[in-house]
Amino acid sequence: MEHGTTIPRPTEAELELLQILWQKEPATVRDIYEALNEEKPSGYTTVLKLLQIMTTKGLVVRDEAARAHVYRAAFSQDTMQSRLLSDLSNRLFAGSAAQLALHALSMGPASEDELAEIRALLESRRSGAASSHQNGTTPNKSARKDRQ
């Protein structure tokens, strides 16, 4: 369901359930309820109702083959994160991923491992940009045009 489909924007409560599903999927209502209650108290029927809403919205997929319905996230964690960050970038940073990243980094310290990942990503982007320039193409030319 991930390819070419519009991803609905989950509420905070729905994101909590998605976080559990990404770790435990597939999962029954009971599995999700128990995992959620390790963090904060919640009612079983509240979790069930949220999952029903999320099924209607297309955030989760329900398998009704077994007696206890089994749920899976309709979108991977990576896909959902990309969708939400893109939306945030567009709404708060005029579509600038760089400004979003700079702001996020300025909010708190990053671990050495995280900084190493960031450096590796920047280096791969530099390498990709250098090879594109050699081929006569310029990456993000249209993106720069859109921001002007």
C-alpha atoms as a PDB file:
ATOM      1  CA  MET A   1       0.000   0.000   0.000  1.00  0.00           C
ATOM      2  CA  GLU A   2       3.040   2.304   0.270  1.00  0.00           C
ATOM      3  CA  HIS A   3       3.653   3.093  -3.374  1.00  0.00           C
ATOM      4  CA  GLY A   4       1.960   6.148  -4.845  1.00  0.00           C
ATOM      5  CA  THR A   5      -0.664   6.396  -2.114  1.00  0.00           C
ATOM      6  CA  THR A   6      -1.423   9.539  -0.159  1.00  0.00           C
ATOM      7  CA  ILE A   7      -0.500   8.945   3.448  1.00  0.00           C
ATOM      8  CA  PRO A   8      -3.032  10.190   6.005  1.00  0.00           C
ATOM      9  CA  ARG A   9      -1.633  12.353   8.786  1.00  0.00           C
ATOM     10  CA  PRO A  10      -1.860  10.446  12.113  1.00  0.00           C
ATOM     11  CA  THR A  11      -2.789  12.096  15.398  1.00  0.00           C
ATOM     12  CA  GLU A  12      -0.411  11.910  18.373  1.00  0.00           C
ATOM     13  CA  ALA A  13      -2.362   8.966  19.833  1.00  0.00           C
ATOM     14  CA  GLU A  14      -2.303   7.156  16.487  1.00  0.00           C
ATOM     15  CA  LEU A  15       1.451   7.713  16.217  1.00  0.00           C
ATOM     16  CA  GLU A  16       1.889   6.050  19.606  1.00  0.00           C
ATOM     17  CA  LEU A  17       0.105   2.949  18.335  1.00  0.00           C
ATOM     18  CA  LEU A  18       2.084   3.016  15.080  1.00  0.00           C
ATOM     19  CA  GLN A  19       5.343   3.118  17.075  1.00  0.00           C
ATOM     20  CA  ILE A  20       4.253  -0.046  18.872  1.00  0.00           C
ATOM     21  CA  LEU A  21       3.198  -1.729  15.624  1.00  0.00           C
ATOM     22  CA  TRP A  22       6.519  -0.934  13.920  1.00  0.00           C
ATOM     23  CA  GLN A  23       8.284  -2.713  16.794  1.00  0.00           C
ATOM     24  CA  LYS A  24       5.925  -5.652  17.302  1.00  0.00           C
ATOM     25  CA  GLU A  25       4.015  -6.171  14.090  1.00  0.00           C
ATOM     26  CA  PRO A  26       1.943  -8.022  13.469  1.00  0.00           C
ATOM     27  CA  ALA A  27       0.082  -7.436  16.729  1.00  0.00           C
ATOM     28  CA  THR A  28      -3.339  -8.003  18.225  1.00  0.00           C
ATOM     29  CA  VAL A  29      -5.298  -5.330  20.096  1.00  0.00           C
ATOM     30  CA  ARG A  30      -4.204  -7.032  23.332  1.00  0.00           C
ATOM     31  CA  ASP A  31      -0.508  -6.879  22.320  1.00  0.00           C
ATOM     32  CA  ILE A  32      -0.775  -3.179  21.508  1.00  0.00           C
ATOM     33  CA  TYR A  33      -2.807  -2.445  24.646  1.00  0.00           C
ATOM     34  CA  GLU A  34      -0.229  -4.170  26.885  1.00  0.00           C
ATOM     35  CA  ALA A  35       2.718  -2.399  25.230  1.00  0.00           C
ATOM     36  CA  LEU A  36       0.995   0.982  25.504  1.00  0.00           C
ATOM     37  CA  ASN A  37       0.218   0.411  29.187  1.00  0.00           C
ATOM     38  CA  GLU A  38       3.917  -0.071  29.938  1.00  0.00           C
ATOM     39  CA  GLU A  39       4.318   3.638  29.155  1.00  0.00           C
ATOM     40  CA  LYS A  40       0.986   5.120  30.281  1.00  0.00           C
ATOM     41  CA  PRO A  41      -2.398   3.829  31.380  1.00  0.00           C
ATOM     42  CA  SER A  42      -4.985   3.380  28.647  1.00  0.00           C
ATOM     43  CA  GLY A  43      -8.202   1.447  28.236  1.00  0.00           C
ATOM     44  CA  TYR A  44      -8.521  -1.638  26.046  1.00  0.00           C
ATOM     45  CA  THR A  45     -11.620  -0.263  24.306  1.00  0.00           C
ATOM     46  CA  THR A  46      -9.797   3.027  23.644  1.00  0.00           C
ATOM     47  CA  VAL A  47      -7.009   1.141  21.863  1.00  0.00           C
ATOM     48  CA  LEU A  48      -9.574  -0.931  19.946  1.00  0.00           C
ATOM     49  CA  LYS A  49     -11.498   2.182  18.862  1.00  0.00           C
ATOM     50  CA  LEU A  50      -8.300   3.935  17.774  1.00  0.00           C
ATOM     51  CA  LEU A  51      -7.288   0.901  15.698  1.00  0.00           C
ATOM     52  CA  GLN A  52     -10.727   0.862  14.069  1.00  0.00           C
ATOM     53  CA  ILE A  53     -10.360   4.551  13.166  1.00  0.00           C
ATOM     54  CA  MET A  54      -6.825   3.954  11.905  1.00  0.00           C
ATOM     55  CA  THR A  55      -8.092   1.083   9.732  1.00  0.00           C
ATOM     56  CA  THR A  56     -10.721   3.371   8.196  1.00  0.00           C
ATOM     57  CA  LYS A  57      -8.111   6.094   7.621  1.00  0.00           C
ATOM     58  CA  GLY A  58      -5.775   3.581   5.965  1.00  0.00           C
ATOM     59  CA  LEU A  59      -3.011   3.845   8.582  1.00  0.00           C
ATOM     60  CA  VAL A  60      -3.236   0.172   9.567  1.00  0.00           C
ATOM     61  CA  VAL A  61      -4.334  -3.035   7.890  1.00  0.00           C
ATOM     62  CA  ARG A  62      -6.432  -5.556   9.809  1.00  0.00           C
ATOM     63  CA  ASP A  63      -6.275  -9.304   9.200  1.00  0.00           C
ATOM     64  CA  GLU A  64      -9.583 -10.822  10.272  1.00  0.00           C
ATOM     65  CA  ALA A  65      -8.659 -14.433   9.485  1.00  0.00           C
ATOM     66  CA  ALA A  66      -7.953 -15.397  13.102  1.00  0.00           C
ATOM     67  CA  ARG A  67     -10.299 -15.055  16.072  1.00  0.00           C
ATOM     68  CA  ALA A  68      -8.233 -12.144  17.395  1.00  0.00           C
ATOM     69  CA  HIS A  69      -7.774  -9.537  14.680  1.00  0.00           C
ATOM     70  CA  VAL A  70      -4.158  -8.889  13.796  1.00  0.00           C
ATOM     71  CA  TYR A  71      -2.959  -5.423  12.815  1.00  0.00           C
ATOM     72  CA  ARG A  72      -0.049  -4.194  10.715  1.00  0.00           C
ATOM     73  CA  ALA A  73       1.034  -0.672   9.891  1.00  0.00           C
ATOM     74  CA  ALA A  74      -0.021   0.214   6.343  1.00  0.00           C
ATOM     75  CA  PHE A  75       3.175   2.257   5.879  1.00  0.00           C
ATOM     76  CA  SER A  76       6.726   1.632   7.034  1.00  0.00           C
ATOM     77  CA  GLN A  77       8.212   3.804   9.736  1.00  0.00           C
ATOM     78  CA  ASP A  78      10.623   5.292   7.210  1.00  0.00           C
ATOM     79  CA  THR A  79       7.813   6.199   4.802  1.00  0.00           C
ATOM     80  CA  MET A  80       5.773   7.806   7.575  1.00  0.00           C
ATOM     81  CA  GLN A  81       8.763   9.753   8.912  1.00  0.00           C
ATOM     82  CA  SER A  82       9.549  11.028   5.413  1.00  0.00           C
ATOM     83  CA  ARG A  83       5.930  12.098   4.890  1.00  0.00           C
ATOM     84  CA  LEU A  84       5.705  13.920   8.208  1.00  0.00           C
ATOM     85  CA  LEU A  85       9.106  15.595   7.855  1.00  0.00           C
ATOM     86  CA  SER A  86       8.293  16.708   4.321  1.00  0.00           C
ATOM     87  CA  ASP A  87       5.040  18.200   5.571  1.00  0.00           C
ATOM     88  CA  LEU A  88       6.831  19.924   8.458  1.00  0.00           C
ATOM     89  CA  SER A  89       9.539  21.227   6.148  1.00  0.00           C
ATOM     90  CA  ASN A  90       6.951  22.655   3.759  1.00  0.00           C
ATOM     91  CA  ARG A  91       4.849  24.265   6.485  1.00  0.00           C
ATOM     92  CA  LEU A  92       7.592  25.692   8.719  1.00  0.00           C
ATOM     93  CA  PHE A  93      10.752  25.973   6.621  1.00  0.00           C
ATOM     94  CA  ALA A  94       9.452  26.932   3.154  1.00  0.00           C
ATOM     95  CA  GLY A  95      10.367  23.461   1.882  1.00  0.00           C
ATOM     96  CA  SER A  96      14.014  23.699   2.931  1.00  0.00           C
ATOM     97  CA  ALA A  97      15.255  20.361   4.223  1.00  0.00           C
ATOM     98  CA  ALA A  98      18.550  22.055   5.119  1.00  0.00           C
ATOM     99  CA  GLN A  99      16.821  24.586   7.387  1.00  0.00           C
ATOM    100  CA  LEU A 100      14.820  21.785   9.013  1.00  0.00           C
ATOM    101  CA  ALA A 101      18.012  19.805   9.651  1.00  0.00           C
ATOM    102  CA  LEU A 102      19.908  22.844  10.973  1.00  0.00           C
ATOM    103  CA  HIS A 103      17.082  23.675  13.336  1.00  0.00           C
ATOM    104  CA  ALA A 104      16.835  20.086  14.559  1.00  0.00           C
ATOM    105  CA  LEU A 105      20.590  19.934  15.191  1.00  0.00           C
ATOM    106  CA  SER A 106      20.548  23.219  17.100  1.00  0.00           C
ATOM    107  CA  MET A 107      17.874  21.917  19.498  1.00  0.00           C
ATOM    108  CA  GLY A 108      20.117  19.554  21.408  1.00  0.00           C
ATOM    109  CA  PRO A 109      23.350  17.602  21.380  1.00  0.00           C
ATOM    110  CA  ALA A 110      23.870  14.816  18.869  1.00  0.00           C
ATOM    111  CA  SER A 111      25.845  11.702  19.770  1.00  0.00           C
ATOM    112  CA  GLU A 112      29.134  10.938  18.042  1.00  0.00           C
ATOM    113  CA  ASP A 113      27.420   8.100  16.162  1.00  0.00           C
ATOM    114  CA  GLU A 114      24.680  10.451  14.943  1.00  0.00           C
ATOM    115  CA  LEU A 115      27.258  13.036  13.869  1.00  0.00           C
ATOM    116  CA  ALA A 116      29.172  10.329  11.993  1.00  0.00           C
ATOM    117  CA  GLU A 117      25.950   9.338  10.178  1.00  0.00           C
ATOM    118  CA  ILE A 118      25.319  12.972   9.266  1.00  0.00           C
ATOM    119  CA  ARG A 119      28.891  13.357   7.956  1.00  0.00           C
ATOM    120  CA  ALA A 120      28.524  10.181   5.895  1.00  0.00           C
ATOM    121  CA  LEU A 121      25.244  11.418   4.413  1.00  0.00           C
ATOM    122  CA  LEU A 122      26.789  14.792   3.556  1.00  0.00           C
ATOM    123  CA  GLU A 123      29.772  13.091   1.955  1.00  0.00           C
ATOM    124  CA  SER A 124      27.551  10.825  -0.141  1.00  0.00           C
ATOM    125  CA  ARG A 125      25.561  13.880  -1.251  1.00  0.00           C
ATOM    126  CA  ARG A 126      28.803  15.674  -2.191  1.00  0.00           C
ATOM    127  CA  SER A 127      29.972  12.644  -4.162  1.00  0.00           C
ATOM    128  CA  GLY A 128      26.612  12.410  -5.928  1.00  0.00           C
ATOM    129  CA  ALA A 129      26.648  16.121  -6.736  1.00  0.00           C
ATOM    130  CA  ALA A 130      30.209  15.920  -8.082  1.00  0.00           C
ATOM    131  CA  SER A 131      29.360  13.012 -10.380  1.00  0.00           C
ATOM    132  CA  SER A 132      26.210  14.816 -11.581  1.00  0.00           C
ATOM    133  CA  HIS A 133      28.245  17.913 -12.447  1.00  0.00           C
ATOM    134  CA  GLN A 134      30.673  15.749 -14.420  1.00  0.00           C
ATOM    135  CA  ASN A 135      27.734  14.304 -16.377  1.00  0.00           C
ATOM    136  CA  GLY A 136      26.452  17.794 -17.159  1.00  0.00           C
ATOM    137  CA  THR A 137      23.422  17.667 -14.879  1.00  0.00           C
ATOM    138  CA  THR A 138      22.815  19.719 -11.786  1.00  0.00           C
ATOM    139  CA  PRO A 139      20.868  18.106  -8.961  1.00  0.00           C
ATOM    140  CA  ASN A 140      18.172  20.128  -7.228  1.00  0.00           C
ATOM    141  CA  LYS A 141      18.159  22.785  -9.945  1.00  0.00           C
ATOM    142  CA  SER A 142      14.372  22.650 -10.070  1.00  0.00           C
ATOM    143  CA  ALA A 143      14.177  22.633  -6.277  1.00  0.00           C
ATOM    144  CA  ARG A 144      16.200  25.854  -6.143  1.00  0.00           C
ATOM    145  CA  LYS A 145      13.957  27.368  -8.803  1.00  0.00           C
ATOM    146  CA  ASP A 146      10.875  26.484  -6.727  1.00  0.00           C
ATOM    147  CA  ARG A 147      12.229  28.298  -3.678  1.00  0.00           C
ATOM    148  CA  GLN A 148      12.969  31.537  -5.557  1.00  0.00           C
END
